[in-house]
Amino acid sequence: MTDIAVRIENLSKQYRIGGEQKGYKTLRDTLAATLSAPFRGLSSVIRGKSTRSDNDTIWALRDVSFEVKRGEVVGIIGRNGAGKTTLLKILSRITEPTEGYAEIHGRVGSLLEVGTGFHPELSGRENIYLNGAILGMRKAEIERKFDEIVDFAEIDKFIDTPVKHYSSGMYVRLAFAVAAHLEPDILLVDEVLAVGDVAFQKKCLGKMGDSAKEGRTILFVSHNVAAIRTLTEKCLYLKDSQVVSYGRTSETVDQYLADTLKHKAIMPYELDFYRRHSRSETATRFVQVWIDNSKEQLTEILIGDSFTFCMTLESKKQIKAASIAITLKKLHGDIVVTILSWDSQFKADLEPGLTTFSCKLEGLHLVPGYYLIDLGINAAPLREGWDVIIDYPIFEVKNLGDHKLVYRPDRQGTIVSTHVSWSKISHRGKNQ
């Protein structure tokens, strides 16, 4: 048996822009197209037009090649439109490549879109059997794991309710539960976990971690770099439909974050990637977040620099005395500090439209590395947020060499740095 679970060679996928995508053709369609092709070409020559223009197409993937060994957990990262989902759709056989090929050795379970394979009129119970069958599970296998699936999805009270009445969170919990309990040789997971709440995300990551320990191969697409670093051993970085790097997760994620922060210096980065849920009753949401040092917007700071968090929120109505929460943390997930506006007796008043707030931090000597923030806003502290942003890359701390800090990035407690000075004060002999 081969040691390779997935082999990709020169894989490319091209889509037409603004036109109908090709579907599956019948024999009649193929014959008709073949017979009419010469006349279509002649007609184009007479009109002086080309039959095809490069401007009508776009490459979603271009010359992608890599291998995944059995039992490996591989993260896939990249900005929106980089080709991550297209890659998983090809591996799931939802779409065909334009060029190249993909070899897959083993049973595949995929979770690409919320509720894929669900029938809205059927109950949760009926959709477990339907979705399980679509994913390749036998009825006896589904029955054996039915209780585990329902328990994992946490929807036992609604199991006989039509799924058209489910929230998006309930959808994704049930979909992930079915896919995870398929026990595939290869599990493909897209960013759909972002729909669930934080507690369920941790539960899903734990389940994927268990699957990895059991020797299953996992390909995990996510913008949550902390989760990628925690769960995966190797990482594939896609940019502009091509492979930028493929190797150790720590090195690949650092390269991705460096590119992300460089891009943020030019224009605001997309917050929607990191939005966990946004409650509609207030229609209040974060639309931009950045830091500055009173002179300019930054993506890099030096050890010991003071800096200010700035955030713009959009609200559909006037809101008095809202509470804003900021959690700053290291890339590995260690929390540096959590700030609540109410702790400083600052009550954020929102007006209809856009409102910008700032929060200045001083005297925080962060060690070099990349940092993320969580954001939340609500009527009062410790309540469920109207809008929640998780793991947003905010800046990189650098040391230019003039700061004599002592720290080890792999040691606990290395969140902040300080000047360290040792000296020998005295010595006393044994007989003194």
Protein backbone atom coordinates (compact mmCIF):
# COMPACT_ATOMS: atom_id res chain seq x y z
CA MET A 1 0.00 0.00 0.00
CA THR A 2 1.30 3.41 -0.94
CA ASP A 3 2.36 5.78 1.82
CA ILE A 4 0.80 8.70 -0.08
CA ALA A 5 -2.78 9.70 0.71
CA VAL A 6 -3.05 12.63 -1.73
CA ARG A 7 -0.83 13.44 -4.71
CA ILE A 8 -1.41 16.62 -6.73
CA GLU A 9 0.48 17.19 -9.99
CA ASN A 10 0.30 20.47 -11.96
CA LEU A 11 -3.34 20.94 -10.97
CA SER A 12 -5.11 23.89 -12.59
CA LYS A 13 -8.73 25.01 -12.70
CA GLN A 14 -10.09 27.65 -15.05
CA TYR A 15 -13.52 29.27 -14.84
CA ARG A 16 -15.34 31.43 -17.34
CA ILE A 17 -16.39 34.87 -16.10
CA GLY A 18 -19.94 36.02 -16.63
CA GLY A 19 -21.00 32.98 -18.63
CA GLU A 20 -22.59 29.65 -17.88
CA GLN A 21 -20.25 27.03 -16.52
CA LYS A 22 -20.08 23.77 -18.37
CA GLY A 23 -22.27 21.09 -16.89
CA TYR A 24 -22.36 17.39 -17.60
CA LYS A 25 -23.10 16.72 -21.30
CA THR A 26 -25.20 14.00 -22.83
CA LEU A 27 -24.04 12.14 -25.95
CA ARG A 28 -26.51 14.22 -27.95
CA ASP A 29 -25.00 17.49 -26.60
CA THR A 30 -21.47 16.33 -27.46
CA LEU A 31 -22.38 15.33 -31.02
CA ALA A 32 -24.27 18.58 -31.62
CA ALA A 33 -21.35 20.65 -30.33
CA THR A 34 -18.87 18.74 -32.50
CA LEU A 35 -20.95 19.16 -35.68
CA SER A 36 -21.57 22.86 -35.09
CA ALA A 37 -18.00 23.80 -34.09
CA PRO A 38 -16.70 24.52 -37.66
CA PHE A 39 -19.68 26.78 -38.37
CA ARG A 40 -19.20 28.70 -35.09
CA GLY A 41 -15.57 29.29 -36.02
CA LEU A 42 -16.48 30.44 -39.54
CA SER A 43 -19.13 32.79 -38.16
CA SER A 44 -16.58 34.35 -35.79
CA VAL A 45 -14.12 34.90 -38.66
CA ILE A 46 -16.80 36.60 -40.77
CA ARG A 47 -17.72 38.91 -37.86
CA GLY A 48 -14.03 39.53 -37.14
CA LYS A 49 -14.31 38.24 -33.57
CA SER A 50 -12.39 35.58 -31.69
CA THR A 51 -14.29 32.59 -30.36
CA ARG A 52 -12.64 33.01 -26.98
CA SER A 53 -10.97 35.76 -25.03
CA ASP A 54 -8.52 35.40 -22.19
CA ASN A 55 -10.46 38.18 -20.45
CA ASP A 56 -13.46 35.84 -20.21
CA THR A 57 -11.62 33.36 -17.98
CA ILE A 58 -9.90 33.23 -14.63
CA TRP A 59 -7.54 30.65 -13.15
CA ALA A 60 -8.77 29.59 -9.71
CA LEU A 61 -5.76 27.26 -9.43
CA ARG A 62 -2.58 27.27 -11.48
CA ASP A 63 0.10 24.52 -11.58
CA VAL A 64 -0.44 23.34 -8.00
CA SER A 65 1.67 20.34 -6.96
CA PHE A 66 2.19 18.72 -3.55
CA GLU A 67 1.88 15.41 -1.68
CA VAL A 68 0.27 14.47 1.61
CA LYS A 69 1.33 11.29 3.38
CA ARG A 70 -1.05 9.03 5.25
CA GLY A 71 -1.76 10.29 8.76
CA GLU A 72 -0.54 13.83 8.09
CA VAL A 73 -2.56 16.85 9.15
CA VAL A 74 -2.08 19.64 6.61
CA GLY A 75 -3.35 23.19 6.92
CA ILE A 76 -4.27 25.25 3.87
CA ILE A 77 -4.10 29.02 4.22
CA GLY A 78 -4.37 32.03 1.95
CA ARG A 79 -6.46 35.11 1.32
CA ASN A 80 -9.96 35.03 -0.13
CA GLY A 81 -9.85 33.92 -3.78
CA ALA A 82 -6.50 32.16 -3.43
CA GLY A 83 -8.01 28.82 -4.55
CA LYS A 84 -8.34 26.97 -1.24
CA THR A 85 -11.99 25.94 -1.61
CA THR A 86 -11.53 25.12 -5.29
CA LEU A 87 -8.74 22.72 -4.32
CA LEU A 88 -10.96 20.92 -1.81
CA LYS A 89 -13.83 20.73 -4.32
CA ILE A 90 -11.53 19.01 -6.81
CA LEU A 91 -10.34 16.57 -4.14
CA SER A 92 -13.99 15.93 -3.21
CA ARG A 93 -14.79 15.30 -6.90
CA ILE A 94 -17.38 18.08 -6.89
CA THR A 95 -15.61 19.73 -9.82
CA GLU A 96 -13.04 18.57 -12.36
CA PRO A 97 -9.62 20.12 -12.96
CA THR A 98 -8.88 21.89 -16.23
CA GLU A 99 -5.30 20.61 -16.24
CA GLY A 100 -3.24 18.20 -14.17
CA TYR A 101 -4.55 15.50 -11.89
CA ALA A 102 -5.18 14.53 -8.27
CA GLU A 103 -4.66 11.04 -6.86
CA ILE A 104 -6.61 10.14 -3.72
CA HIS A 105 -6.01 6.89 -1.85
CA GLY A 106 -8.77 6.10 0.63
CA ARG A 107 -12.32 7.06 1.57
CA VAL A 108 -12.91 10.80 1.62
CA GLY A 109 -15.18 12.72 3.98
CA SER A 110 -15.68 16.39 3.25
CA LEU A 111 -17.30 19.36 4.95
CA LEU A 112 -17.12 22.22 2.47
CA GLU A 113 -20.34 24.21 2.79
CA VAL A 114 -22.92 24.48 5.54
CA GLY A 115 -25.76 22.02 5.00
CA THR A 116 -24.39 20.49 1.79
CA GLY A 117 -26.45 17.39 1.11
CA PHE A 118 -29.23 18.41 3.52
CA HIS A 119 -32.88 18.56 2.45
CA PRO A 120 -34.60 21.51 4.15
CA GLU A 121 -37.97 19.78 4.45
CA LEU A 122 -36.54 16.71 6.17
CA SER A 123 -35.86 16.47 9.90
CA GLY A 124 -32.44 16.34 11.47
CA ARG A 125 -32.88 12.59 11.97
CA GLU A 126 -33.76 12.00 8.31
CA ASN A 127 -30.92 14.22 7.12
CA ILE A 128 -28.38 12.26 9.17
CA TYR A 129 -29.34 9.15 7.18
CA LEU A 130 -29.47 11.10 3.90
CA ASN A 131 -26.20 12.94 4.40
CA GLY A 132 -24.48 9.83 5.74
CA ALA A 133 -25.52 7.90 2.63
CA ILE A 134 -24.23 10.69 0.37
CA LEU A 135 -20.89 10.55 2.20
CA GLY A 136 -20.70 6.81 1.69
CA MET A 137 -21.89 5.42 5.04
CA ARG A 138 -23.99 2.24 5.11
CA LYS A 139 -27.30 2.30 6.97
CA ALA A 140 -26.01 -0.08 9.66
CA GLU A 141 -22.99 2.19 10.18
CA ILE A 142 -25.21 5.25 10.53
CA GLU A 143 -27.48 3.48 13.02
CA ARG A 144 -24.48 2.39 15.09
CA LYS A 145 -23.15 5.95 15.30
CA PHE A 146 -26.48 7.81 15.35
CA ASP A 147 -26.48 8.61 19.08
CA GLU A 148 -22.85 9.78 18.95
CA ILE A 149 -23.65 12.09 16.03
CA VAL A 150 -26.66 13.64 17.78
CA ASP A 151 -24.77 14.02 21.05
CA PHE A 152 -21.82 15.67 19.32
CA ALA A 153 -24.06 18.07 17.36
CA GLU A 154 -25.92 19.06 20.57
CA ILE A 155 -29.30 19.14 18.80
CA ASP A 156 -31.13 16.26 20.54
CA LYS A 157 -34.15 18.48 21.31
CA PHE A 158 -34.51 19.37 17.64
CA ILE A 159 -33.61 16.06 16.01
CA ASP A 160 -37.13 15.59 14.62
CA THR A 161 -37.53 19.22 13.52
CA PRO A 162 -37.15 20.07 9.80
CA VAL A 163 -33.68 21.53 9.26
CA LYS A 164 -35.14 24.56 7.43
CA HIS A 165 -35.90 25.85 10.94
CA TYR A 166 -32.29 25.35 12.11
CA SER A 167 -29.92 28.25 12.66
CA SER A 168 -26.66 28.32 10.65
CA GLY A 169 -24.87 27.19 13.82
CA MET A 170 -27.12 24.15 14.20
CA TYR A 171 -26.62 23.36 10.50
CA VAL A 172 -22.85 23.32 10.77
CA ARG A 173 -22.86 21.34 14.04
CA LEU A 174 -24.95 18.61 12.46
CA ALA A 175 -22.99 18.64 9.19
CA PHE A 176 -19.64 18.41 10.97
CA ALA A 177 -20.90 15.68 13.30
CA VAL A 178 -21.96 13.48 10.36
CA ALA A 179 -18.74 14.07 8.42
CA ALA A 180 -16.51 13.51 11.46
CA HIS A 181 -18.22 10.25 12.41
CA LEU A 182 -17.87 8.90 8.89
CA GLU A 183 -14.36 7.88 10.01
CA PRO A 184 -12.88 8.57 6.57
CA ASP A 185 -9.31 7.86 5.59
CA ILE A 186 -9.09 11.49 4.42
CA LEU A 187 -11.10 14.33 5.99
CA LEU A 188 -11.43 17.65 4.11
CA VAL A 189 -12.65 20.57 6.22
CA ASP A 190 -13.27 24.09 4.91
CA GLU A 191 -13.79 27.33 6.85
CA VAL A 192 -17.39 26.40 7.70
CA LEU A 193 -16.35 25.96 11.34
CA ALA A 194 -16.32 29.76 11.56
CA VAL A 195 -20.14 29.63 11.67
CA GLY A 196 -20.18 27.82 15.01
CA ASP A 197 -19.53 29.40 18.39
CA VAL A 198 -16.10 29.36 20.00
CA ALA A 199 -16.89 26.41 22.30
CA PHE A 200 -18.05 24.26 19.37
CA GLN A 201 -15.01 25.24 17.31
CA LYS A 202 -12.77 23.93 20.10
CA LYS A 203 -14.85 20.76 20.19
CA CYS A 204 -14.43 20.29 16.42
CA LEU A 205 -10.70 20.90 16.63
CA GLY A 206 -10.51 18.32 19.39
CA LYS A 207 -12.37 15.81 17.23
CA MET A 208 -10.02 16.47 14.32
CA GLY A 209 -7.08 16.08 16.69
CA ASP A 210 -8.44 12.69 17.80
CA SER A 211 -8.86 11.65 14.16
CA ALA A 212 -5.26 12.62 13.48
CA LYS A 213 -4.04 10.52 16.41
CA GLU A 214 -5.93 7.57 14.91
CA GLY A 215 -3.88 7.91 11.73
CA ARG A 216 -6.39 9.68 9.48
CA THR A 217 -5.27 12.25 6.95
CA ILE A 218 -6.75 15.75 7.37
CA LEU A 219 -6.69 18.76 5.05
CA PHE A 220 -7.91 21.78 7.00
CA VAL A 221 -8.67 25.16 5.36
CA SER A 222 -8.86 28.03 7.84
CA HIS A 223 -7.99 31.69 8.43
CA ASN A 224 -7.59 30.86 12.11
CA VAL A 225 -3.80 30.71 12.22
CA ALA A 226 -3.80 29.77 15.90
CA ALA A 227 -5.89 26.68 15.08
CA ILE A 228 -3.67 25.89 12.09
CA ARG A 229 -0.55 26.06 14.29
CA THR A 230 -2.15 23.93 17.01
CA LEU A 231 -3.62 21.21 14.80
CA THR A 232 -1.36 20.84 11.76
CA GLU A 233 2.17 19.64 11.18
CA LYS A 234 2.55 20.95 7.61
CA CYS A 235 0.91 23.85 5.85
CA LEU A 236 0.19 24.85 2.26
CA TYR A 237 0.12 28.59 1.51
CA LEU A 238 -1.81 29.57 -1.64
CA LYS A 239 -1.65 33.06 -3.11
CA ASP A 240 -3.12 34.21 -6.41
CA SER A 241 -4.08 30.61 -7.27
CA GLN A 242 -0.51 29.30 -6.90
CA VAL A 243 1.57 27.62 -4.21
CA VAL A 244 3.78 30.11 -2.35
CA SER A 245 5.19 27.60 0.12
CA TYR A 246 4.55 24.12 1.48
CA GLY A 247 6.38 22.89 4.56
CA ARG A 248 6.55 23.21 8.33
CA THR A 249 3.51 24.98 9.71
CA SER A 250 5.40 27.48 11.86
CA GLU A 251 7.49 28.75 8.93
CA THR A 252 4.59 28.80 6.47
CA VAL A 253 2.25 30.63 8.86
CA ASP A 254 4.94 33.23 9.58
CA GLN A 255 5.30 33.88 5.85
CA TYR A 256 1.52 34.15 5.44
CA LEU A 257 1.20 36.60 8.34
CA ALA A 258 4.08 38.70 7.03
CA ASP A 259 2.30 38.96 3.66
CA THR A 260 -1.04 39.65 5.37
CA LEU A 261 0.33 42.50 7.48
CA LYS A 262 2.16 43.91 4.46
CA HIS A 263 -1.17 43.89 2.60
CA LYS A 264 -2.89 45.59 5.56
CA ALA A 265 -0.38 48.42 5.34
CA ILE A 266 -1.79 49.16 1.88
CA MET A 267 -5.50 48.64 2.56
CA PRO A 268 -7.72 47.29 5.39
CA TYR A 269 -7.76 43.52 5.56
CA GLU A 270 -11.07 41.67 5.44
CA LEU A 271 -12.67 41.34 8.90
CA ASP A 272 -15.34 38.92 7.68
CA PHE A 273 -12.82 36.06 7.67
CA TYR A 274 -12.55 36.40 11.44
CA ARG A 275 -16.17 37.24 12.31
CA ARG A 276 -17.63 34.45 14.44
CA HIS A 277 -21.19 35.63 14.71
CA SER A 278 -23.06 38.88 14.26
CA ARG A 279 -26.45 39.19 15.88
CA SER A 280 -28.95 40.98 13.69
CA GLU A 281 -31.15 42.64 16.33
CA THR A 282 -28.81 45.60 16.66
CA ALA A 283 -27.10 45.44 13.24
CA THR A 284 -23.92 46.62 14.97
CA ARG A 285 -20.61 45.37 13.61
CA PHE A 286 -16.90 46.08 13.41
CA VAL A 287 -15.93 47.30 9.94
CA GLN A 288 -12.27 48.28 10.44
CA VAL A 289 -9.58 47.72 13.08
CA TRP A 290 -6.02 49.03 13.10
CA ILE A 291 -3.26 50.33 15.36
CA ASP A 292 -1.32 53.59 15.23
CA ASN A 293 1.27 55.49 17.24
CA SER A 294 -0.44 58.90 16.81
CA LYS A 295 1.50 59.41 13.57
CA GLU A 296 0.43 56.67 11.18
CA GLN A 297 -1.30 53.31 10.87
CA LEU A 298 1.07 50.46 11.66
CA THR A 299 1.49 46.75 11.18
CA GLU A 300 4.86 46.63 12.95
CA ILE A 301 5.97 48.04 16.31
CA LEU A 302 9.19 47.88 18.30
CA ILE A 303 9.58 46.45 21.78
CA GLY A 304 8.39 48.97 24.34
CA ASP A 305 6.49 51.18 21.88
CA SER A 306 3.18 52.62 22.99
CA PHE A 307 0.36 52.03 20.54
CA THR A 308 -3.35 52.66 20.13
CA PHE A 309 -6.08 50.28 19.05
CA CYS A 310 -8.49 52.05 16.71
CA MET A 311 -11.77 50.53 15.60
CA THR A 312 -14.69 51.70 13.48
CA LEU A 313 -18.14 50.27 14.13
CA GLU A 314 -21.26 50.51 12.03
CA SER A 315 -24.65 50.72 13.70
CA LYS A 316 -28.16 50.99 12.29
CA LYS A 317 -29.46 52.80 15.33
CA GLN A 318 -28.36 54.83 18.33
CA ILE A 319 -26.97 52.77 21.21
CA LYS A 320 -26.01 54.21 24.58
CA ALA A 321 -23.26 52.88 26.84
CA ALA A 322 -22.13 49.83 24.89
CA SER A 323 -19.20 47.75 26.14
CA ILE A 324 -16.18 46.98 23.95
CA ALA A 325 -13.83 44.09 24.75
CA ILE A 326 -10.31 43.65 23.35
CA THR A 327 -8.18 40.56 23.96
CA LEU A 328 -4.57 40.69 22.78
CA LYS A 329 -2.82 37.35 22.43
CA LYS A 330 0.25 35.72 21.00
CA LEU A 331 0.10 33.63 17.87
CA HIS A 332 0.15 30.42 19.94
CA GLY A 333 -2.99 31.54 21.79
CA ASP A 334 -1.44 32.78 25.07
CA ILE A 335 -3.49 35.75 26.28
CA VAL A 336 -1.45 38.90 26.94
CA VAL A 337 -4.19 41.18 28.22
CA THR A 338 -7.97 41.54 28.12
CA ILE A 339 -9.38 45.07 28.15
CA LEU A 340 -13.01 46.01 28.82
CA SER A 341 -14.11 49.58 28.19
CA TRP A 342 -16.37 49.41 31.23
CA ASP A 343 -13.37 48.73 33.49
CA SER A 344 -12.18 52.24 32.65
CA GLN A 345 -15.68 53.67 33.16
CA PHE A 346 -15.82 54.37 29.42
CA LYS A 347 -19.22 53.75 27.91
CA ALA A 348 -19.18 53.56 24.13
CA ASP A 349 -22.06 55.56 22.65
CA LEU A 350 -22.89 54.59 19.08
CA GLU A 351 -24.68 56.81 16.60
CA PRO A 352 -26.40 55.64 13.39
CA GLY A 353 -23.67 55.21 10.79
CA LEU A 354 -19.96 54.88 11.52
CA THR A 355 -18.36 55.56 14.91
CA THR A 356 -14.64 55.25 15.64
CA PHE A 357 -13.12 54.56 19.07
CA SER A 358 -9.55 54.30 20.31
CA CYS A 359 -7.81 52.60 23.23
CA LYS A 360 -4.18 53.46 24.02
CA LEU A 361 -1.78 51.00 25.68
CA GLU A 362 1.45 52.11 27.31
CA GLY A 363 4.30 50.31 29.07
CA LEU A 364 3.62 46.91 27.49
CA HIS A 365 6.95 45.36 26.47
CA LEU A 366 5.83 42.57 24.16
CA VAL A 367 8.34 39.98 22.99
CA PRO A 368 9.03 39.74 19.24
CA GLY A 369 6.52 37.84 17.15
CA TYR A 370 3.06 38.04 15.62
CA TYR A 371 0.00 39.03 17.66
CA LEU A 372 -3.74 38.52 17.22
CA ILE A 373 -6.76 40.19 18.78
CA ASP A 374 -10.32 39.21 19.66
CA LEU A 375 -12.99 41.92 19.64
CA GLY A 376 -16.51 42.03 20.99
CA ILE A 377 -19.24 44.60 21.57
CA ASN A 378 -22.45 44.35 23.59
CA ALA A 379 -24.70 46.20 26.01
CA ALA A 380 -22.68 45.09 29.05
CA PRO A 381 -19.55 43.06 29.86
CA LEU A 382 -19.58 39.26 29.86
CA ARG A 383 -22.74 38.96 27.77
CA GLU A 384 -22.96 37.35 24.33
CA GLY A 385 -21.53 39.81 21.83
CA TRP A 386 -23.53 41.58 19.16
CA ASP A 387 -20.47 41.19 16.97
CA VAL A 388 -17.40 39.05 17.69
CA ILE A 389 -14.06 38.98 15.85
CA ILE A 390 -11.65 36.14 16.65
CA ASP A 391 -7.91 35.75 15.93
CA TYR A 392 -7.50 38.85 13.75
CA PRO A 393 -3.79 39.39 12.86
CA ILE A 394 -3.05 42.88 14.16
CA PHE A 395 0.72 43.49 14.20
CA GLU A 396 4.24 42.13 14.49
CA VAL A 397 6.62 43.14 17.28
CA LYS A 398 10.22 43.52 16.20
CA ASN A 399 13.53 43.95 17.98
CA LEU A 400 16.11 46.02 16.13
CA GLY A 401 18.88 44.85 18.43
CA ASP A 402 19.16 47.82 20.78
CA HIS A 403 16.82 46.28 23.33
CA LYS A 404 18.74 43.85 25.56
CA LEU A 405 15.90 41.50 26.32
CA VAL A 406 16.12 37.94 27.54
CA TYR A 407 13.39 35.60 26.36
CA ARG A 408 12.78 32.15 24.92
CA PRO A 409 9.85 31.91 22.46
CA ASP A 410 9.25 28.26 23.39
CA ARG A 411 9.07 28.90 27.13
CA GLN A 412 5.91 29.66 29.10
CA GLY A 413 5.72 33.14 30.53
CA THR A 414 7.45 34.82 27.60
CA ILE A 415 4.65 37.26 26.85
CA VAL A 416 6.39 40.45 27.85
CA SER A 417 10.06 41.36 27.88
CA THR A 418 12.09 43.40 30.29
CA HIS A 419 15.64 44.63 30.74
CA VAL A 420 17.56 42.05 32.77
CA SER A 421 20.67 42.87 34.78
CA TRP A 422 22.49 40.34 36.98
CA SER A 423 25.15 41.10 39.60
CA LYS A 424 26.85 39.33 42.47
CA ILE A 425 26.14 41.23 45.66
CA SER A 426 28.22 39.40 48.24
CA HIS A 427 29.76 36.14 49.37
CA ARG A 428 30.14 34.61 52.76
CA GLY A 429 32.41 31.68 53.48
CA LYS A 430 31.40 28.62 55.51
CA ASN A 431 33.16 29.73 58.70
CA GLN A 432 32.00 33.33 58.62
